[in-house]
C-alpha atoms as a PDB file:
ATOM      1  CA  MET A   1      -8.493  15.349   5.156  1.00  0.00           C
ATOM      2  CA  SER A   2      -8.661  15.648   8.915  1.00  0.00           C
ATOM      3  CA  HIS A   3      -5.719  15.307  11.229  1.00  0.00           C
ATOM      4  CA  ARG A   4      -7.097  12.008  12.562  1.00  0.00           C
ATOM      5  CA  THR A   5      -7.379  10.403   9.113  1.00  0.00           C
ATOM      6  CA  GLU A   6      -3.850  11.571   8.267  1.00  0.00           C
ATOM      7  CA  GLN A   7      -2.518  10.005  11.469  1.00  0.00           C
ATOM      8  CA  VAL A   8      -4.315   6.719  10.835  1.00  0.00           C
ATOM      9  CA  GLY A   9      -3.036   6.711   7.236  1.00  0.00           C
ATOM     10  CA  GLU A  10       0.560   7.240   8.346  1.00  0.00           C
ATOM     11  CA  VAL A  11       0.353   4.451  10.922  1.00  0.00           C
ATOM     12  CA  MET A  12      -1.254   2.116   8.394  1.00  0.00           C
ATOM     13  CA  GLN A  13       1.442   2.844   5.816  1.00  0.00           C
ATOM     14  CA  ARG A  14       4.209   2.104   8.306  1.00  0.00           C
ATOM     15  CA  GLU A  15       2.590  -1.050   9.706  1.00  0.00           C
ATOM     16  CA  ILE A  16       1.562  -2.517   6.351  1.00  0.00           C
ATOM     17  CA  SER A  17       5.088  -1.936   5.019  1.00  0.00           C
ATOM     18  CA  ALA A  18       6.461  -3.894   7.962  1.00  0.00           C
ATOM     19  CA  ILE A  19       3.879  -6.678   7.546  1.00  0.00           C
ATOM     20  CA  ILE A  20       4.688  -7.071   3.841  1.00  0.00           C
ATOM     21  CA  ALA A  21       8.421  -7.149   4.546  1.00  0.00           C
ATOM     22  CA  ARG A  22       8.057  -9.631   7.401  1.00  0.00           C
ATOM     23  CA  ASP A  23       5.170 -11.933   6.501  1.00  0.00           C
ATOM     24  CA  ILE A  24       4.597 -11.874   2.744  1.00  0.00           C
ATOM     25  CA  GLU A  25       7.054 -13.296   0.263  1.00  0.00           C
ATOM     26  CA  PRO A  26       6.861 -11.263  -2.966  1.00  0.00           C
ATOM     27  CA  PRO A  27       7.625 -12.842  -6.350  1.00  0.00           C
ATOM     28  CA  ARG A  28      11.310 -13.280  -7.141  1.00  0.00           C
ATOM     29  CA  ASP A  29      13.190 -10.145  -8.087  1.00  0.00           C
ATOM     30  CA  CYS A  30      10.219  -7.968  -7.143  1.00  0.00           C
ATOM     31  CA  LEU A  31      10.021  -4.974  -4.831  1.00  0.00           C
ATOM     32  CA  ILE A  32       6.703  -3.952  -3.281  1.00  0.00           C
ATOM     33  CA  THR A  33       6.678  -0.533  -1.613  1.00  0.00           C
ATOM     34  CA  VAL A  34       3.761   1.019   0.260  1.00  0.00           C
ATOM     35  CA  MET A  35       3.716   4.618  -0.943  1.00  0.00           C
ATOM     36  CA  ARG A  36       0.775   5.995   1.035  1.00  0.00           C
ATOM     37  CA  ALA A  37      -2.545   5.155   2.640  1.00  0.00           C
ATOM     38  CA  GLU A  38      -5.687   7.231   2.168  1.00  0.00           C
ATOM     39  CA  VAL A  39      -8.319   6.665   4.836  1.00  0.00           C
ATOM     40  CA  THR A  40     -11.977   7.615   4.406  1.00  0.00           C
ATOM     41  CA  PRO A  41     -13.358  10.230   6.826  1.00  0.00           C
ATOM     42  CA  ASP A  42     -15.443   7.585   8.637  1.00  0.00           C
ATOM     43  CA  LEU A  43     -12.252   5.464   9.133  1.00  0.00           C
ATOM     44  CA  LYS A  44     -13.947   2.370   7.674  1.00  0.00           C
ATOM     45  CA  HIS A  45     -11.905   1.965   4.474  1.00  0.00           C
ATOM     46  CA  ALA A  46      -8.359   2.676   3.372  1.00  0.00           C
ATOM     47  CA  LYS A  47      -6.789   2.703  -0.078  1.00  0.00           C
ATOM     48  CA  ILE A  48      -3.258   1.401   0.194  1.00  0.00           C
ATOM     49  CA  PHE A  49      -1.174   2.666  -2.722  1.00  0.00           C
ATOM     50  CA  VAL A  50       1.711   0.367  -3.646  1.00  0.00           C
ATOM     51  CA  SER A  51       4.551   0.707  -6.103  1.00  0.00           C
ATOM     52  CA  ILE A  52       5.866  -2.467  -7.708  1.00  0.00           C
ATOM     53  CA  LEU A  53       9.212  -2.817  -9.439  1.00  0.00           C
ATOM     54  CA  PRO A  54       9.930  -4.046 -12.034  1.00  0.00           C
ATOM     55  CA  GLU A  55       6.725  -3.150 -13.850  1.00  0.00           C
ATOM     56  CA  ASN A  56       6.445  -6.549 -15.554  1.00  0.00           C
ATOM     57  CA  LYS A  57       5.826  -8.132 -12.113  1.00  0.00           C
ATOM     58  CA  THR A  58       2.872  -5.835 -11.347  1.00  0.00           C
ATOM     59  CA  GLY A  59       0.155  -8.381 -12.175  1.00  0.00           C
ATOM     60  CA  SER A  60       1.580 -11.218 -10.094  1.00  0.00           C
ATOM     61  CA  ALA A  61       2.425  -8.903  -7.192  1.00  0.00           C
ATOM     62  CA  MET A  62      -1.087  -7.405  -7.124  1.00  0.00           C
ATOM     63  CA  LYS A  63      -2.595 -10.915  -7.205  1.00  0.00           C
ATOM     64  CA  LEU A  64      -0.351 -11.871  -4.286  1.00  0.00           C
ATOM     65  CA  LEU A  65      -1.383  -8.805  -2.285  1.00  0.00           C
ATOM     66  CA  GLU A  66      -5.049  -9.491  -2.981  1.00  0.00           C
ATOM     67  CA  SER A  67      -4.699 -13.125  -1.896  1.00  0.00           C
ATOM     68  CA  LYS A  68      -2.875 -12.085   1.298  1.00  0.00           C
ATOM     69  CA  LYS A  69      -5.258  -9.234   2.140  1.00  0.00           C
ATOM     70  CA  GLY A  70      -6.806 -11.227   5.018  1.00  0.00           C
ATOM     71  CA  THR A  71      -3.400 -11.942   6.543  1.00  0.00           C
ATOM     72  CA  VAL A  72      -2.331  -8.306   6.285  1.00  0.00           C
ATOM     73  CA  GLN A  73      -5.688  -7.181   7.728  1.00  0.00           C
ATOM     74  CA  HIS A  74      -5.327  -9.621  10.635  1.00  0.00           C
ATOM     75  CA  PHE A  75      -1.845  -8.397  11.596  1.00  0.00           C
ATOM     76  CA  LEU A  76      -2.916  -4.782  11.114  1.00  0.00           C
ATOM     77  CA  ASN A  77      -5.921  -5.264  13.408  1.00  0.00           C
ATOM     78  CA  GLN A  78      -3.546  -6.514  16.111  1.00  0.00           C
ATOM     79  CA  LYS A  79      -1.329  -3.430  15.769  1.00  0.00           C
ATOM     80  CA  LEU A  80      -3.978  -0.708  15.595  1.00  0.00           C
ATOM     81  CA  THR A  81      -5.571   0.307  18.869  1.00  0.00           C
ATOM     82  CA  MET A  82      -8.877   1.359  17.365  1.00  0.00           C
ATOM     83  CA  LYS A  83     -12.387   0.068  17.883  1.00  0.00           C
ATOM     84  CA  PHE A  84     -12.632  -0.797  14.178  1.00  0.00           C
ATOM     85  CA  SER A  85      -9.703  -1.049  11.787  1.00  0.00           C
ATOM     86  CA  PRO A  86     -10.130   0.364   8.281  1.00  0.00           C
ATOM     87  CA  ARG A  87     -10.640  -2.284   5.570  1.00  0.00           C
ATOM     88  CA  ILE A  88      -7.753  -2.523   3.113  1.00  0.00           C
ATOM     89  CA  HIS A  89      -8.199  -1.878  -0.606  1.00  0.00           C
ATOM     90  CA  TRP A  90      -5.053  -2.193  -2.752  1.00  0.00           C
ATOM     91  CA  GLU A  91      -4.343   0.405  -5.430  1.00  0.00           C
ATOM     92  CA  LEU A  92      -1.405   0.648  -7.803  1.00  0.00           C
ATOM     93  CA  ASP A  93       0.509   3.908  -7.337  1.00  0.00           C
ATOM     94  CA  LEU A  94       1.253   5.420 -10.733  1.00  0.00           C
ATOM     95  CA  THR A  95       3.100   8.559  -9.603  1.00  0.00           C
ATOM     96  CA  THR A  96       6.507   6.984 -10.238  1.00  0.00           C
ATOM     97  CA  ARG A  97       5.518   6.262 -13.834  1.00  0.00           C
ATOM     98  CA  LYS A  98       4.188   9.791 -14.273  1.00  0.00           C
ATOM     99  CA  TYR A  99       7.424  11.291 -12.934  1.00  0.00           C
ATOM    100  CA  ALA A 100       9.483   9.071 -15.236  1.00  0.00           C
ATOM    101  CA  ALA A 101       7.412  10.151 -18.240  1.00  0.00           C
ATOM    102  CA  ILE A 102       7.822  13.824 -17.315  1.00  0.00           C
ATOM    103  CA  ASP A 103      11.553  13.347 -16.806  1.00  0.00           C
ATOM    104  CA  GLU A 104      11.856  11.615 -20.183  1.00  0.00           C
ATOM    105  CA  ALA A 105       9.909  14.406 -21.886  1.00  0.00           C
ATOM    106  CA  LEU A 106      12.150  17.056 -20.318  1.00  0.00           C
ATOM    107  CA  LYS A 107      15.290  15.271 -21.514  1.00  0.00           C
ATOM    108  CA  LYS A 108      14.149  15.500 -25.158  1.00  0.00           C
END
């Protein structure tokens, strides 16, 4: 990954986190956290990895994010000073689950 794509990913992570906190109302008792953003080398697409707690709210939270993708993209386009802003693609971040499973296995 080039330095430019890393920079764009970091900015996108920070800005999308702020947009979700400010402009999108998640389901009750649900926490949506933007873990990271991976931008393609051509800067046209970005996978936004989110963590959702509790896990039983994952489906409704992902549906909400998908339905609000246009709103998030609009606010992001206003914040980024690039000719073209990368298109958002939501992905569920499973690293927290993997770490919990490893931790549980080590406790046994």
